[in-house]
PDB file of N, CA and C in Angstrom:
ATOM      1  N   MET A   1     115.240 -13.526-119.238  1.00  0.00           N
ATOM      2  CA  MET A   1     115.204 -12.405-118.332  1.00  0.00           C
ATOM      3  C   MET A   1     116.414 -12.504-117.400  1.00  0.00           C
ATOM      4  N   VAL A   2     116.972 -11.334-117.086  1.00  0.00           N
ATOM      5  CA  VAL A   2     118.164 -11.292-116.263  1.00  0.00           C
ATOM      6  C   VAL A   2     117.758 -11.614-114.861  1.00  0.00           C
ATOM      7  N   GLN A   3     118.620 -12.267-114.146  1.00  0.00           N
ATOM      8  CA  GLN A   3     118.444 -12.637-112.747  1.00  0.00           C
ATOM      9  C   GLN A   3     118.485 -11.414-111.895  1.00  0.00           C
ATOM     10  N   GLN A   4     117.600 -11.333-110.862  1.00  0.00           N
ATOM     11  CA  GLN A   4     117.462 -10.178-109.989  1.00  0.00           C
ATOM     12  C   GLN A   4     118.782  -9.844-109.347  1.00  0.00           C
ATOM     13  N   HIS A   5     119.537 -10.814-108.844  1.00  0.00           N
ATOM     14  CA  HIS A   5     120.802 -10.529-108.146  1.00  0.00           C
ATOM     15  C   HIS A   5     121.839  -9.887-109.099  1.00  0.00           C
ATOM     16  N   THR A   6     121.774 -10.251-110.352  1.00  0.00           N
ATOM     17  CA  THR A   6     122.714  -9.667-111.310  1.00  0.00           C
ATOM     18  C   THR A   6     122.440  -8.165-111.494  1.00  0.00           C
ATOM     19  N   LEU A   7     121.191  -7.788-111.569  1.00  0.00           N
ATOM     20  CA  LEU A   7     120.802  -6.318-111.616  1.00  0.00           C
ATOM     21  C   LEU A   7     121.108  -5.693-110.376  1.00  0.00           C
ATOM     22  N   ASP A   8     120.802  -6.345-109.293  1.00  0.00           N
ATOM     23  CA  ASP A   8     121.139  -5.704-107.910  1.00  0.00           C
ATOM     24  C   ASP A   8     122.560  -5.289-107.793  1.00  0.00           C
ATOM     25  N   ARG A   9     123.446  -6.245-108.171  1.00  0.00           N
ATOM     26  CA  ARG A   9     124.904  -5.927-108.177  1.00  0.00           C
ATOM     27  C   ARG A   9     125.324  -4.762-109.128  1.00  0.00           C
ATOM     28  N   ALA A  10     124.704  -4.799-110.301  1.00  0.00           N
ATOM     29  CA  ALA A  10     125.113  -3.779-111.255  1.00  0.00           C
ATOM     30  C   ALA A  10     124.557  -2.444-110.746  1.00  0.00           C
ATOM     31  N   PHE A  11     123.342  -2.318-110.316  1.00  0.00           N
ATOM     32  CA  PHE A  11     122.884  -0.989-109.868  1.00  0.00           C
ATOM     33  C   PHE A  11     123.500  -0.619-108.548  1.00  0.00           C
ATOM     34  N   ALA A  12     123.899  -1.542-107.642  1.00  0.00           N
ATOM     35  CA  ALA A  12     124.614  -1.127-106.486  1.00  0.00           C
ATOM     36  C   ALA A  12     125.979  -0.534-106.833  1.00  0.00           C
ATOM     37  N   ALA A  13     126.622  -1.123-107.767  1.00  0.00           N
ATOM     38  CA  ALA A  13     127.934  -0.644-108.222  1.00  0.00           C
ATOM     39  C   ALA A  13     127.815   0.701-108.858  1.00  0.00           C
ATOM     40  N   LEU A  14     126.755   0.959-109.627  1.00  0.00           N
ATOM     41  CA  LEU A  14     126.586   2.199-110.342  1.00  0.00           C
ATOM     42  C   LEU A  14     126.119   3.272-109.375  1.00  0.00           C
ATOM     43  N   ALA A  15     125.695   2.979-108.165  1.00  0.00           N
ATOM     44  CA  ALA A  15     125.203   3.953-107.183  1.00  0.00           C
ATOM     45  C   ALA A  15     126.296   4.843-106.726  1.00  0.00           C
ATOM     46  N   ASP A  16     127.522   4.473-106.904  1.00  0.00           N
ATOM     47  CA  ASP A  16     128.678   5.233-106.383  1.00  0.00           C
ATOM     48  C   ASP A  16     129.293   6.083-107.413  1.00  0.00           C
ATOM     49  N   GLU A  17     129.459   7.440-107.134  1.00  0.00           N
ATOM     50  CA  GLU A  17     130.076   8.372-108.071  1.00  0.00           C
ATOM     51  C   GLU A  17     131.465   7.997-108.569  1.00  0.00           C
ATOM     52  N   THR A  18     132.271   7.499-107.682  1.00  0.00           N
ATOM     53  CA  THR A  18     133.655   7.143-108.093  1.00  0.00           C
ATOM     54  C   THR A  18     133.581   6.052-109.122  1.00  0.00           C
ATOM     55  N   ARG A  19     132.733   5.015-108.872  1.00  0.00           N
ATOM     56  CA  ARG A  19     132.624   3.903-109.805  1.00  0.00           C
ATOM     57  C   ARG A  19     132.051   4.301-111.145  1.00  0.00           C
ATOM     58  N   ARG A  20     131.110   5.268-111.134  1.00  0.00           N
ATOM     59  CA  ARG A  20     130.550   5.755-112.379  1.00  0.00           C
ATOM     60  C   ARG A  20     131.717   6.556-113.099  1.00  0.00           C
ATOM     61  N   GLY A  21     132.575   7.269-112.391  1.00  0.00           N
ATOM     62  CA  GLY A  21     133.673   7.868-113.003  1.00  0.00           C
ATOM     63  C   GLY A  21     134.599   7.062-113.607  1.00  0.00           C
ATOM     64  N   ILE A  22     134.915   5.798-112.957  1.00  0.00           N
ATOM     65  CA  ILE A  22     135.815   4.874-113.587  1.00  0.00           C
ATOM     66  C   ILE A  22     135.185   4.324-114.840  1.00  0.00           C
ATOM     67  N   LEU A  23     133.925   4.019-114.854  1.00  0.00           N
ATOM     68  CA  LEU A  23     133.293   3.549-116.087  1.00  0.00           C
ATOM     69  C   LEU A  23     133.381   4.568-117.242  1.00  0.00           C
ATOM     70  N   THR A  24     133.170   5.871-116.911  1.00  0.00           N
ATOM     71  CA  THR A  24     133.216   6.872-117.858  1.00  0.00           C
ATOM     72  C   THR A  24     134.603   6.921-118.398  1.00  0.00           C
ATOM     73  N   ARG A  25     135.618   6.882-117.589  1.00  0.00           N
ATOM     74  CA  ARG A  25     137.017   6.912-118.025  1.00  0.00           C
ATOM     75  C   ARG A  25     137.316   5.724-118.886  1.00  0.00           C
ATOM     76  N   LEU A  26     136.844   4.567-118.548  1.00  0.00           N
ATOM     77  CA  LEU A  26     137.078   3.353-119.386  1.00  0.00           C
ATOM     78  C   LEU A  26     136.366   3.355-120.653  1.00  0.00           C
ATOM     79  N   GLY A  27     135.339   4.223-120.820  1.00  0.00           N
ATOM     80  CA  GLY A  27     134.729   4.434-122.156  1.00  0.00           C
ATOM     81  C   GLY A  27     135.679   4.973-123.186  1.00  0.00           C
ATOM     82  N   ASP A  28     136.763   5.587-122.763  1.00  0.00           N
ATOM     83  CA  ASP A  28     137.839   6.026-123.700  1.00  0.00           C
ATOM     84  C   ASP A  28     138.835   4.940-124.023  1.00  0.00           C
ATOM     85  N   GLY A  29     138.695   3.807-123.341  1.00  0.00           N
ATOM     86  CA  GLY A  29     139.645   2.692-123.554  1.00  0.00           C
ATOM     87  C   GLY A  29     140.186   2.136-122.236  1.00  0.00           C
ATOM     88  N   PRO A  30     140.857   1.028-122.312  1.00  0.00           N
ATOM     89  CA  PRO A  30     141.373   0.391-121.056  1.00  0.00           C
ATOM     90  C   PRO A  30     142.421   1.323-120.385  1.00  0.00           C
ATOM     91  N   ALA A  31     142.534   0.993-119.093  1.00  0.00           N
ATOM     92  CA  ALA A  31     143.467   1.809-118.276  1.00  0.00           C
ATOM     93  C   ALA A  31     144.020   0.886-117.155  1.00  0.00           C
ATOM     94  N   THR A  32     145.166   1.329-116.578  1.00  0.00           N
ATOM     95  CA  THR A  32     145.701   0.626-115.449  1.00  0.00           C
ATOM     96  C   THR A  32     145.103   1.132-114.212  1.00  0.00           C
ATOM     97  N   ILE A  33     145.257   0.496-113.189  1.00  0.00           N
ATOM     98  CA  ILE A  33     144.790   0.876-111.799  1.00  0.00           C
ATOM     99  C   ILE A  33     145.442   2.264-111.549  1.00  0.00           C
ATOM    100  N   THR A  34     146.708   2.399-111.807  1.00  0.00           N
ATOM    101  CA  THR A  34     147.351   3.698-111.597  1.00  0.00           C
ATOM    102  C   THR A  34     146.765   4.876-112.361  1.00  0.00           C
ATOM    103  N   GLU A  35     146.453   4.538-113.727  1.00  0.00           N
ATOM    104  CA  GLU A  35     145.884   5.588-114.526  1.00  0.00           C
ATOM    105  C   GLU A  35     144.494   6.002-113.977  1.00  0.00           C
ATOM    106  N   LEU A  36     143.787   5.025-113.389  1.00  0.00           N
ATOM    107  CA  LEU A  36     142.425   5.423-112.850  1.00  0.00           C
ATOM    108  C   LEU A  36     142.604   6.191-111.486  1.00  0.00           C
ATOM    109  N   ALA A  37     143.707   5.845-110.745  1.00  0.00           N
ATOM    110  CA  ALA A  37     143.864   6.473-109.431  1.00  0.00           C
ATOM    111  C   ALA A  37     144.331   7.946-109.501  1.00  0.00           C
ATOM    112  N   VAL A  38     145.222   8.221-110.467  1.00  0.00           N
ATOM    113  CA  VAL A  38     145.848   9.587-110.478  1.00  0.00           C
ATOM    114  C   VAL A  38     144.802  10.678-110.568  1.00  0.00           C
ATOM    115  N   PRO A  39     143.926  10.737-111.544  1.00  0.00           N
ATOM    116  CA  PRO A  39     142.975  11.932-111.621  1.00  0.00           C
ATOM    117  C   PRO A  39     141.972  11.964-110.483  1.00  0.00           C
ATOM    118  N   SER A  40     141.751  10.816-109.833  1.00  0.00           N
ATOM    119  CA  SER A  40     140.747  10.861-108.697  1.00  0.00           C
ATOM    120  C   SER A  40     141.356  11.236-107.400  1.00  0.00           C
ATOM    121  N   GLY A  41     142.737  11.202-107.311  1.00  0.00           N
ATOM    122  CA  GLY A  41     143.435  11.537-106.053  1.00  0.00           C
ATOM    123  C   GLY A  41     143.265  10.443-105.011  1.00  0.00           C
ATOM    124  N   MET A  42     142.793   9.265-105.327  1.00  0.00           N
ATOM    125  CA  MET A  42     142.669   8.144-104.465  1.00  0.00           C
ATOM    126  C   MET A  42     143.966   7.348-104.447  1.00  0.00           C
ATOM    127  N   THR A  43     144.048   6.545-103.482  1.00  0.00           N
ATOM    128  CA  THR A  43     145.166   5.613-103.371  1.00  0.00           C
ATOM    129  C   THR A  43     144.934   4.424-104.387  1.00  0.00           C
ATOM    130  N   LEU A  44     145.972   3.726-104.697  1.00  0.00           N
ATOM    131  CA  LEU A  44     145.886   2.568-105.525  1.00  0.00           C
ATOM    132  C   LEU A  44     144.962   1.503-104.907  1.00  0.00           C
ATOM    133  N   THR A  45     145.039   1.362-103.538  1.00  0.00           N
ATOM    134  CA  THR A  45     144.238   0.419-102.820  1.00  0.00           C
ATOM    135  C   THR A  45     142.709   0.864-102.862  1.00  0.00           C
ATOM    136  N   GLY A  46     142.486   2.137-102.710  1.00  0.00           N
ATOM    137  CA  GLY A  46     141.136   2.678-102.743  1.00  0.00           C
ATOM    138  C   GLY A  46     140.491   2.425-104.166  1.00  0.00           C
ATOM    139  N   ILE A  47     141.228   2.702-105.215  1.00  0.00           N
ATOM    140  CA  ILE A  47     140.714   2.542-106.566  1.00  0.00           C
ATOM    141  C   ILE A  47     140.514   1.012-106.850  1.00  0.00           C
ATOM    142  N   ARG A  48     141.470   0.238-106.324  1.00  0.00           N
ATOM    143  CA  ARG A  48     141.440  -1.188-106.556  1.00  0.00           C
ATOM    144  C   ARG A  48     140.100  -1.811-105.968  1.00  0.00           C
ATOM    145  N   LYS A  49     139.674  -1.245-104.792  1.00  0.00           N
ATOM    146  CA  LYS A  49     138.464  -1.760-104.069  1.00  0.00           C
ATOM    147  C   LYS A  49     137.263  -1.408-104.924  1.00  0.00           C
ATOM    148  N   HIS A  50     137.283  -0.189-105.521  1.00  0.00           N
ATOM    149  CA  HIS A  50     136.152   0.206-106.455  1.00  0.00           C
ATOM    150  C   HIS A  50     136.151  -0.664-107.722  1.00  0.00           C
ATOM    151  N   VAL A  51     137.305  -1.000-108.250  1.00  0.00           N
ATOM    152  CA  VAL A  51     137.364  -1.795-109.468  1.00  0.00           C
ATOM    153  C   VAL A  51     136.950  -3.251-109.041  1.00  0.00           C
ATOM    154  N   ASP A  52     137.183  -3.733-107.929  1.00  0.00           N
ATOM    155  CA  ASP A  52     136.750  -5.039-107.440  1.00  0.00           C
ATOM    156  C   ASP A  52     135.250  -5.111-107.477  1.00  0.00           C
ATOM    157  N   VAL A  53     134.586  -3.997-106.912  1.00  0.00           N
ATOM    158  CA  VAL A  53     133.187  -3.981-106.902  1.00  0.00           C
ATOM    159  C   VAL A  53     132.573  -4.060-108.356  1.00  0.00           C
ATOM    160  N   LEU A  54     133.144  -3.287-109.207  1.00  0.00           N
ATOM    161  CA  LEU A  54     132.718  -3.229-110.535  1.00  0.00           C
ATOM    162  C   LEU A  54     132.856  -4.556-111.247  1.00  0.00           C
ATOM    163  N   GLU A  55     134.042  -5.194-110.986  1.00  0.00           N
ATOM    164  CA  GLU A  55     134.346  -6.465-111.572  1.00  0.00           C
ATOM    165  C   GLU A  55     133.339  -7.547-111.036  1.00  0.00           C
ATOM    166  N   ALA A  56     133.057  -7.536-109.791  1.00  0.00           N
ATOM    167  CA  ALA A  56     132.054  -8.534-109.163  1.00  0.00           C
ATOM    168  C   ALA A  56     130.703  -8.332-109.874  1.00  0.00           C
ATOM    169  N   ALA A  57     130.355  -7.080-110.212  1.00  0.00           N
ATOM    170  CA  ALA A  57     129.096  -6.870-110.845  1.00  0.00           C
ATOM    171  C   ALA A  57     129.156  -7.143-112.364  1.00  0.00           C
ATOM    172  N   GLY A  58     130.312  -7.503-112.899  1.00  0.00           N
ATOM    173  CA  GLY A  58     130.354  -7.795-114.286  1.00  0.00           C
ATOM    174  C   GLY A  58     130.455  -6.527-115.155  1.00  0.00           C
ATOM    175  N   LEU A  59     130.704  -5.377-114.562  1.00  0.00           N
ATOM    176  CA  LEU A  59     130.809  -4.142-115.310  1.00  0.00           C
ATOM    177  C   LEU A  59     132.113  -3.841-115.950  1.00  0.00           C
ATOM    178  N   VAL A  60     133.219  -4.439-115.351  1.00  0.00           N
ATOM    179  CA  VAL A  60     134.580  -4.335-115.858  1.00  0.00           C
ATOM    180  C   VAL A  60     135.245  -5.719-115.804  1.00  0.00           C
ATOM    181  N   THR A  61     136.299  -5.840-116.588  1.00  0.00           N
ATOM    182  CA  THR A  61     137.129  -6.956-116.495  1.00  0.00           C
ATOM    183  C   THR A  61     138.626  -6.488-116.252  1.00  0.00           C
ATOM    184  N   THR A  62     139.404  -7.267-115.565  1.00  0.00           N
ATOM    185  CA  THR A  62     140.795  -6.950-115.348  1.00  0.00           C
ATOM    186  C   THR A  62     141.596  -8.058-115.813  1.00  0.00           C
ATOM    187  N   GLU A  63     142.860  -7.660-116.256  1.00  0.00           N
ATOM    188  CA  GLU A  63     143.814  -8.696-116.694  1.00  0.00           C
ATOM    189  C   GLU A  63     145.210  -8.234-116.242  1.00  0.00           C
ATOM    190  N   LYS A  64     145.991  -9.089-115.744  1.00  0.00           N
ATOM    191  CA  LYS A  64     147.343  -8.829-115.315  1.00  0.00           C
ATOM    192  C   LYS A  64     148.137  -8.766-116.620  1.00  0.00           C
ATOM    193  N   VAL A  65     148.769  -7.672-116.910  1.00  0.00           N
ATOM    194  CA  VAL A  65     149.695  -7.465-118.059  1.00  0.00           C
ATOM    195  C   VAL A  65     151.057  -7.052-117.521  1.00  0.00           C
ATOM    196  N   GLY A  66     151.999  -8.002-117.442  1.00  0.00           N
ATOM    197  CA  GLY A  66     153.262  -7.753-116.853  1.00  0.00           C
ATOM    198  C   GLY A  66     153.105  -7.513-115.344  1.00  0.00           C
ATOM    199  N   ARG A  67     153.565  -6.378-114.960  1.00  0.00           N
ATOM    200  CA  ARG A  67     153.410  -6.049-113.440  1.00  0.00           C
ATOM    201  C   ARG A  67     152.233  -5.200-113.199  1.00  0.00           C
ATOM    202  N   VAL A  68     151.471  -4.810-114.145  1.00  0.00           N
ATOM    203  CA  VAL A  68     150.231  -3.911-113.906  1.00  0.00           C
ATOM    204  C   VAL A  68     148.972  -4.630-114.240  1.00  0.00           C
ATOM    205  N   ARG A  69     147.907  -4.151-113.595  1.00  0.00           N
ATOM    206  CA  ARG A  69     146.581  -4.760-113.783  1.00  0.00           C
ATOM    207  C   ARG A  69     145.838  -3.742-114.822  1.00  0.00           C
ATOM    208  N   GLN A  70     145.460  -4.318-115.886  1.00  0.00           N
ATOM    209  CA  GLN A  70     144.697  -3.526-116.970  1.00  0.00           C
ATOM    210  C   GLN A  70     143.185  -3.707-116.718  1.00  0.00           C
ATOM    211  N   VAL A  71     142.463  -2.613-116.743  1.00  0.00           N
ATOM    212  CA  VAL A  71     141.011  -2.630-116.551  1.00  0.00           C
ATOM    213  C   VAL A  71     140.336  -2.176-117.841  1.00  0.00           C
ATOM    214  N   GLN A  72     139.225  -2.925-118.206  1.00  0.00           N
ATOM    215  CA  GLN A  72     138.444  -2.511-119.278  1.00  0.00           C
ATOM    216  C   GLN A  72     136.952  -2.709-119.058  1.00  0.00           C
ATOM    217  N   LEU A  73     136.132  -2.062-119.899  1.00  0.00           N
ATOM    218  CA  LEU A  73     134.702  -2.197-119.728  1.00  0.00           C
ATOM    219  C   LEU A  73     134.303  -3.586-120.018  1.00  0.00           C
ATOM    220  N   GLY A  74     133.318  -4.137-119.294  1.00  0.00           N
ATOM    221  CA  GLY A  74     132.613  -5.350-119.634  1.00  0.00           C
ATOM    222  C   GLY A  74     131.267  -4.998-120.015  1.00  0.00           C
ATOM    223  N   THR A  75     130.837  -5.090-121.232  1.00  0.00           N
ATOM    224  CA  THR A  75     129.619  -4.637-121.741  1.00  0.00           C
ATOM    225  C   THR A  75     128.360  -5.458-121.388  1.00  0.00           C
ATOM    226  N   GLU A  76     128.512  -6.775-121.021  1.00  0.00           N
ATOM    227  CA  GLU A  76     127.393  -7.545-120.880  1.00  0.00           C
ATOM    228  C   GLU A  76     126.427  -7.027-119.799  1.00  0.00           C
ATOM    229  N   ARG A  77     126.911  -6.714-118.612  1.00  0.00           N
ATOM    230  CA  ARG A  77     126.089  -6.231-117.520  1.00  0.00           C
ATOM    231  C   ARG A  77     125.466  -4.926-117.815  1.00  0.00           C
ATOM    232  N   LEU A  78     126.221  -4.039-118.442  1.00  0.00           N
ATOM    233  CA  LEU A  78     125.565  -2.779-118.850  1.00  0.00           C
ATOM    234  C   LEU A  78     124.439  -3.012-119.763  1.00  0.00           C
ATOM    235  N   ASP A  79     124.581  -4.003-120.682  1.00  0.00           N
ATOM    236  CA  ASP A  79     123.489  -4.347-121.604  1.00  0.00           C
ATOM    237  C   ASP A  79     122.294  -4.837-120.780  1.00  0.00           C
ATOM    238  N   ASP A  80     122.560  -5.703-119.794  1.00  0.00           N
ATOM    239  CA  ASP A  80     121.497  -6.240-118.951  1.00  0.00           C
ATOM    240  C   ASP A  80     120.727  -5.072-118.277  1.00  0.00           C
ATOM    241  N   ALA A  81     121.510  -4.129-117.647  1.00  0.00           N
ATOM    242  CA  ALA A  81     120.885  -3.032-116.944  1.00  0.00           C
ATOM    243  C   ALA A  81     120.007  -2.211-117.921  1.00  0.00           C
ATOM    244  N   MET A  82     120.649  -1.973-119.135  1.00  0.00           N
ATOM    245  CA  MET A  82     119.932  -1.129-120.121  1.00  0.00           C
ATOM    246  C   MET A  82     118.655  -1.818-120.557  1.00  0.00           C
ATOM    247  N   ALA A  83     118.732  -3.115-120.727  1.00  0.00           N
ATOM    248  CA  ALA A  83     117.453  -3.896-121.181  1.00  0.00           C
ATOM    249  C   ALA A  83     116.376  -3.728-120.116  1.00  0.00           C
ATOM    250  N   TRP A  84     116.766  -3.805-118.771  1.00  0.00           N
ATOM    251  CA  TRP A  84     115.788  -3.660-117.773  1.00  0.00           C
ATOM    252  C   TRP A  84     115.203  -2.213-117.740  1.00  0.00           C
ATOM    253  N   ILE A  85     116.018  -1.287-117.872  1.00  0.00           N
ATOM    254  CA  ILE A  85     115.555   0.112-117.972  1.00  0.00           C
ATOM    255  C   ILE A  85     114.650   0.368-119.144  1.00  0.00           C
ATOM    256  N   THR A  86     115.015  -0.165-120.274  1.00  0.00           N
ATOM    257  CA  THR A  86     114.205  -0.035-121.468  1.00  0.00           C
ATOM    258  C   THR A  86     112.820  -0.632-121.379  1.00  0.00           C
ATOM    259  N   PHE A  87     112.818  -1.831-120.729  1.00  0.00           N
ATOM    260  CA  PHE A  87     111.518  -2.493-120.488  1.00  0.00           C
ATOM    261  C   PHE A  87     110.578  -1.554-119.665  1.00  0.00           C
ATOM    262  N   TYR A  88     111.051  -1.101-118.520  1.00  0.00           N
ATOM    263  CA  TYR A  88     110.234  -0.255-117.766  1.00  0.00           C
ATOM    264  C   TYR A  88     109.937   1.172-118.338  1.00  0.00           C
ATOM    265  N   GLN A  89     110.864   1.638-119.199  1.00  0.00           N
ATOM    266  CA  GLN A  89     110.566   2.929-119.911  1.00  0.00           C
ATOM    267  C   GLN A  89     109.467   2.697-120.909  1.00  0.00           C
ATOM    268  N   ARG A  90     109.506   1.677-121.615  1.00  0.00           N
ATOM    269  CA  ARG A  90     108.383   1.414-122.587  1.00  0.00           C
ATOM    270  C   ARG A  90     106.965   1.208-121.878  1.00  0.00           C
ATOM    271  N   LEU A  91     107.114   0.411-120.684  1.00  0.00           N
ATOM    272  CA  LEU A  91     105.850   0.188-119.936  1.00  0.00           C
ATOM    273  C   LEU A  91     105.254   1.578-119.541  1.00  0.00           C
ATOM    274  N   TRP A  92     106.065   2.404-118.978  1.00  0.00           N
ATOM    275  CA  TRP A  92     105.508   3.709-118.516  1.00  0.00           C
ATOM    276  C   TRP A  92     105.141   4.670-119.685  1.00  0.00           C
ATOM    277  N   GLU A  93     105.810   4.589-120.713  1.00  0.00           N
ATOM    278  CA  GLU A  93     105.432   5.333-121.904  1.00  0.00           C
ATOM    279  C   GLU A  93     104.015   4.928-122.367  1.00  0.00           C
ATOM    280  N   ARG A  94     103.754   3.546-122.441  1.00  0.00           N
ATOM    281  CA  ARG A  94     102.392   3.112-122.711  1.00  0.00           C
ATOM    282  C   ARG A  94     101.397   3.491-121.798  1.00  0.00           C
ATOM    283  N   ARG A  95     101.698   3.461-120.527  1.00  0.00           N
ATOM    284  CA  ARG A  95     100.695   3.846-119.523  1.00  0.00           C
ATOM    285  C   ARG A  95     100.401   5.369-119.627  1.00  0.00           C
ATOM    286  N   LEU A  96     101.428   6.173-119.768  1.00  0.00           N
ATOM    287  CA  LEU A  96     101.220   7.669-119.875  1.00  0.00           C
ATOM    288  C   LEU A  96     100.504   7.937-121.169  1.00  0.00           C
ATOM    289  N   ASP A  97     100.809   7.262-122.248  1.00  0.00           N
ATOM    290  CA  ASP A  97      99.976   7.520-123.539  1.00  0.00           C
ATOM    291  C   ASP A  97      98.542   7.210-123.370  1.00  0.00           C
ATOM    292  N   GLY A  98      98.237   6.088-122.580  1.00  0.00           N
ATOM    293  CA  GLY A  98      96.890   5.736-122.262  1.00  0.00           C
ATOM    294  C   GLY A  98      96.163   6.772-121.423  1.00  0.00           C
ATOM    295  N   LEU A  99      96.923   7.355-120.521  1.00  0.00           N
ATOM    296  CA  LEU A  99      96.398   8.417-119.652  1.00  0.00           C
ATOM    297  C   LEU A  99      96.099   9.654-120.468  1.00  0.00           C
ATOM    298  N   GLU A 100      97.003   9.971-121.401  1.00  0.00           N
ATOM    299  CA  GLU A 100      96.783  11.175-122.324  1.00  0.00           C
ATOM    300  C   GLU A 100      95.557  10.964-123.163  1.00  0.00           C
ATOM    301  N   VAL A 101      95.405   9.772-123.620  1.00  0.00           N
ATOM    302  CA  VAL A 101      94.134   9.473-124.445  1.00  0.00           C
ATOM    303  C   VAL A 101      92.914   9.647-123.580  1.00  0.00           C
ATOM    304  N   TYR A 102      92.917   9.118-122.407  1.00  0.00           N
ATOM    305  CA  TYR A 102      91.822   9.215-121.484  1.00  0.00           C
ATOM    306  C   TYR A 102      91.436  10.693-121.226  1.00  0.00           C
ATOM    307  N   PHE A 103      92.492  11.538-120.894  1.00  0.00           N
ATOM    308  CA  PHE A 103      92.181  12.946-120.673  1.00  0.00           C
ATOM    309  C   PHE A 103      91.705  13.762-121.875  1.00  0.00           C
ATOM    310  N   THR A 104      92.166  13.341-122.995  1.00  0.00           N
ATOM    311  CA  THR A 104      91.836  13.959-124.291  1.00  0.00           C
ATOM    312  C   THR A 104      90.345  13.644-124.578  1.00  0.00           C
ATOM    313  N   LEU A 105      89.971  12.341-124.382  1.00  0.00           N
ATOM    314  CA  LEU A 105      88.642  11.936-124.611  1.00  0.00           C
ATOM    315  C   LEU A 105      87.654  12.586-123.630  1.00  0.00           C
ATOM    316  N   LYS A 106      88.015  12.627-122.332  1.00  0.00           N
ATOM    317  CA  LYS A 106      87.325  13.229-121.274  1.00  0.00           C
ATOM    318  C   LYS A 106      87.097  14.698-121.538  1.00  0.00           C
ATOM    319  N   LYS A 107      88.147  15.424-122.021  1.00  0.00           N
ATOM    320  CA  LYS A 107      88.029  16.796-122.352  1.00  0.00           C
ATOM    321  C   LYS A 107      87.012  17.038-123.458  1.00  0.00           C
ATOM    322  N   GLY A 108      87.012  16.133-124.446  1.00  0.00           N
ATOM    323  CA  GLY A 108      86.202  16.285-125.598  1.00  0.00           C
ATOM    324  C   GLY A 108      84.740  16.045-125.272  1.00  0.00           C
ATOM    325  N   THR A 109      84.429  15.215-124.213  1.00  0.00           N
ATOM    326  CA  THR A 109      83.056  14.989-123.793  1.00  0.00           C
ATOM    327  C   THR A 109      82.508  16.124-122.945  1.00  0.00           C
ATOM    328  N   GLU A 110      83.385  16.894-122.340  1.00  0.00           N
ATOM    329  CA  GLU A 110      82.983  17.987-121.542  1.00  0.00           C
ATOM    330  C   GLU A 110      82.627  19.317-122.245  1.00  0.00           C
ATOM    331  N   SER A 111      82.979  19.324-123.497  1.00  0.00           N
ATOM    332  CA  SER A 111      82.769  20.526-124.355  1.00  0.00           C
ATOM    333  C   SER A 111      81.427  20.660-124.768  1.00  0.00           C
TER     334      SER A 111
END
């Protein structure tokens, strides 16, 4: 099972629209800090702070390539978050299915 603080970091990072936008952009492939900053209208420092949060959460990795910093998706933490979501999705589906059976049986006994 994934440690709670790992999930906390991932979900806290995903709570910000700018950081979700960065992850969406990185879905198309790696990008430099400058390439991430231009469409957002943010400064390089501002984007770098968002990338630092994503990196601390394990959602992206960065690598210095020459004079630029390359950013790419880190899949492990997204997989952890998805596993957590899937567990609770299945749990609630089972509970709701049970509720549906209950009401179907109850309706059948009232007729």
